[in-house]
Amino acid sequence: ITTDQVLQELSQQEGLNTFFKPDFQIESFTSQVFRSGSTSAVASKLNAGIKQLDQAINQKVDSNCDELLSQISNISQLEIILDVFKNGVESLQNSLNKIKSELAEPYNVIKTRTKQLQRITEASELLRQIIRFLQLSDKLRRYL
């Protein structure tokens, strides 16, 4: 008997079929069971259903044991491959961080020097205007 068959069988049993409804609400179900006084009957049906499911699951595991073990082996191999990729990604990340820091330093120097050049240019323009002003004021004094 398969797990699907057990679930189908349980979904048709009176008292357990409510568990398989899409709109199942545990609160309303438990209050209904307590009001009806049939808690032991529902509990025994649930235990029997759980037992059937356990048997079906055990049978499924036993029949597919070799396949499950090979999948576990595949998972182990995939974990090894994943570790290799993780190491590669980590190495790549470290390289990118190194390149980033190597590029950031010259960029910051250029940025600082550009600001200095801009300030020097502004200062020289101001000095040129001051010199021109002094020359014109000197010329004006001579005419007066």
Protein backbone atom coordinates (compact mmCIF):
# COMPACT_ATOMS: atom_id res chain seq x y z
CA ILE A 1 0.00 0.00 0.00
CA THR A 2 1.42 3.38 -0.98
CA THR A 3 1.39 6.65 0.94
CA ASP A 4 -1.06 8.13 -1.53
CA GLN A 5 -3.40 5.18 -1.05
CA VAL A 6 -3.22 5.57 2.73
CA LEU A 7 -3.97 9.29 2.45
CA GLN A 8 -6.88 8.55 0.12
CA GLU A 9 -8.19 5.94 2.55
CA LEU A 10 -7.86 8.31 5.52
CA SER A 11 -9.57 11.16 3.63
CA GLN A 12 -12.64 8.94 3.17
CA GLN A 13 -12.92 7.84 6.80
CA GLU A 14 -15.64 9.44 8.88
CA GLY A 15 -14.15 11.81 11.44
CA LEU A 16 -10.81 12.14 9.63
CA ASN A 17 -12.11 13.49 6.35
CA THR A 18 -12.42 16.99 7.86
CA PHE A 19 -8.60 17.16 8.11
CA PHE A 20 -8.33 17.00 4.33
CA LYS A 21 -10.67 19.90 3.59
CA PRO A 22 -8.95 23.07 2.36
CA ASP A 23 -10.92 25.22 4.81
CA PHE A 24 -10.05 23.04 7.85
CA GLN A 25 -9.87 25.07 11.08
CA ILE A 26 -8.32 23.39 14.10
CA GLU A 27 -10.11 25.64 16.61
CA SER A 28 -13.59 24.87 15.36
CA PHE A 29 -12.75 21.16 15.00
CA THR A 30 -11.47 20.81 18.57
CA SER A 31 -14.38 22.72 20.06
CA GLN A 32 -16.80 20.51 18.09
CA VAL A 33 -15.02 17.35 19.33
CA PHE A 34 -15.09 18.55 22.94
CA ARG A 35 -18.77 19.47 22.70
CA SER A 36 -19.67 16.08 21.25
CA GLY A 37 -17.67 14.23 23.91
CA SER A 38 -16.05 11.91 21.38
CA THR A 39 -12.45 12.89 22.06
CA SER A 40 -11.26 9.35 22.71
CA ALA A 41 -12.87 8.03 19.52
CA VAL A 42 -11.29 10.80 17.41
CA ALA A 43 -7.94 10.29 19.15
CA SER A 44 -8.01 6.55 18.43
CA LYS A 45 -8.90 7.22 14.76
CA LEU A 46 -6.04 9.71 14.53
CA ASN A 47 -3.62 7.26 16.12
CA ALA A 48 -4.71 4.51 13.73
CA GLY A 49 -4.27 6.88 10.79
CA ILE A 50 -0.82 7.91 12.01
CA LYS A 51 0.11 4.26 12.37
CA GLN A 52 -1.00 3.54 8.80
CA LEU A 53 0.99 6.52 7.52
CA ASP A 54 4.08 5.40 9.46
CA GLN A 55 3.81 1.93 7.96
CA ALA A 56 3.43 3.33 4.43
CA ILE A 57 6.39 5.68 4.93
CA ASN A 58 8.56 2.88 6.33
CA GLN A 59 7.62 0.65 3.40
CA LYS A 60 8.43 3.47 0.94
CA VAL A 61 11.81 4.10 2.61
CA ASP A 62 12.62 0.37 2.63
CA SER A 63 11.73 -0.04 -1.03
CA ASN A 64 13.76 3.00 -2.08
CA CYS A 65 16.68 2.54 0.30
CA ASP A 66 19.34 2.15 -2.41
CA GLU A 67 18.13 5.21 -4.30
CA LEU A 68 18.03 7.28 -1.10
CA LEU A 69 21.57 6.22 -0.21
CA SER A 70 22.82 7.14 -3.69
CA GLN A 71 21.13 10.52 -3.38
CA ILE A 72 22.87 11.02 -0.03
CA SER A 73 26.15 10.20 -1.76
CA ASN A 74 25.30 12.69 -4.50
CA ILE A 75 24.54 15.31 -1.87
CA SER A 76 27.96 14.73 -0.31
CA GLN A 77 29.60 15.16 -3.70
CA LEU A 78 27.58 18.32 -4.32
CA GLU A 79 28.66 19.69 -0.95
CA ILE A 80 32.30 19.16 -1.94
CA ILE A 81 31.72 20.94 -5.26
CA LEU A 82 29.87 23.71 -3.44
CA ASP A 83 32.84 24.16 -1.08
CA VAL A 84 35.16 24.46 -4.08
CA PHE A 85 32.88 27.12 -5.59
CA LYS A 86 32.64 28.93 -2.25
CA ASN A 87 36.43 29.02 -2.04
CA GLY A 88 36.66 30.28 -5.61
CA VAL A 89 34.08 32.97 -4.98
CA GLU A 90 35.82 33.99 -1.77
CA SER A 91 39.14 34.19 -3.61
CA LEU A 92 37.54 36.25 -6.36
CA GLN A 93 35.96 38.54 -3.77
CA ASN A 94 39.34 39.05 -2.10
CA SER A 95 40.91 39.85 -5.47
CA LEU A 96 38.16 42.34 -6.25
CA ASN A 97 38.61 44.01 -2.87
CA LYS A 98 42.36 44.26 -3.49
CA ILE A 99 41.82 45.76 -6.95
CA LYS A 100 39.25 48.13 -5.51
CA SER A 101 41.67 49.35 -2.85
CA GLU A 102 44.45 49.66 -5.45
CA LEU A 103 42.19 51.81 -7.62
CA ALA A 104 40.75 53.81 -4.75
CA GLU A 105 44.12 55.15 -3.59
CA PRO A 106 45.13 56.73 -6.93
CA TYR A 107 41.60 58.01 -7.41
CA ASN A 108 41.68 59.74 -4.02
CA VAL A 109 45.10 61.26 -4.81
CA ILE A 110 43.82 62.55 -8.17
CA LYS A 111 40.68 63.91 -6.53
CA THR A 112 42.72 65.72 -3.85
CA ARG A 113 45.18 67.12 -6.40
CA THR A 114 42.33 68.27 -8.64
CA LYS A 115 40.82 70.21 -5.75
CA GLN A 116 44.24 71.72 -4.99
CA LEU A 117 44.67 72.72 -8.64
CA GLN A 118 41.20 74.27 -8.68
CA ARG A 119 41.99 76.30 -5.54
CA ILE A 120 45.37 77.39 -6.94
CA THR A 121 43.69 78.44 -10.19
CA GLU A 122 41.07 80.43 -8.29
CA ALA A 123 43.77 82.04 -6.14
CA SER A 124 45.88 82.95 -9.15
CA GLU A 125 42.84 84.46 -10.88
CA LEU A 126 42.11 86.48 -7.76
CA LEU A 127 45.75 87.61 -7.58
CA ARG A 128 45.67 88.58 -11.26
CA GLN A 129 42.54 90.67 -10.64
CA ILE A 130 44.16 92.28 -7.59
CA ILE A 131 47.30 93.11 -9.57
CA ARG A 132 45.16 94.58 -12.36
CA PHE A 133 43.20 96.60 -9.79
CA LEU A 134 46.43 97.89 -8.21
CA GLN A 135 47.80 98.84 -11.63
CA LEU A 136 44.64 100.71 -12.52
CA SER A 137 44.50 102.45 -9.16
CA ASP A 138 48.18 103.43 -9.53
CA LYS A 139 47.43 104.80 -13.01
CA LEU A 140 44.44 106.71 -11.66
CA ARG A 141 46.57 108.28 -8.92
CA ARG A 142 49.05 109.51 -11.48
CA TYR A 143 46.31 111.26 -13.43
CA LEU A 144 44.96 112.93 -10.33
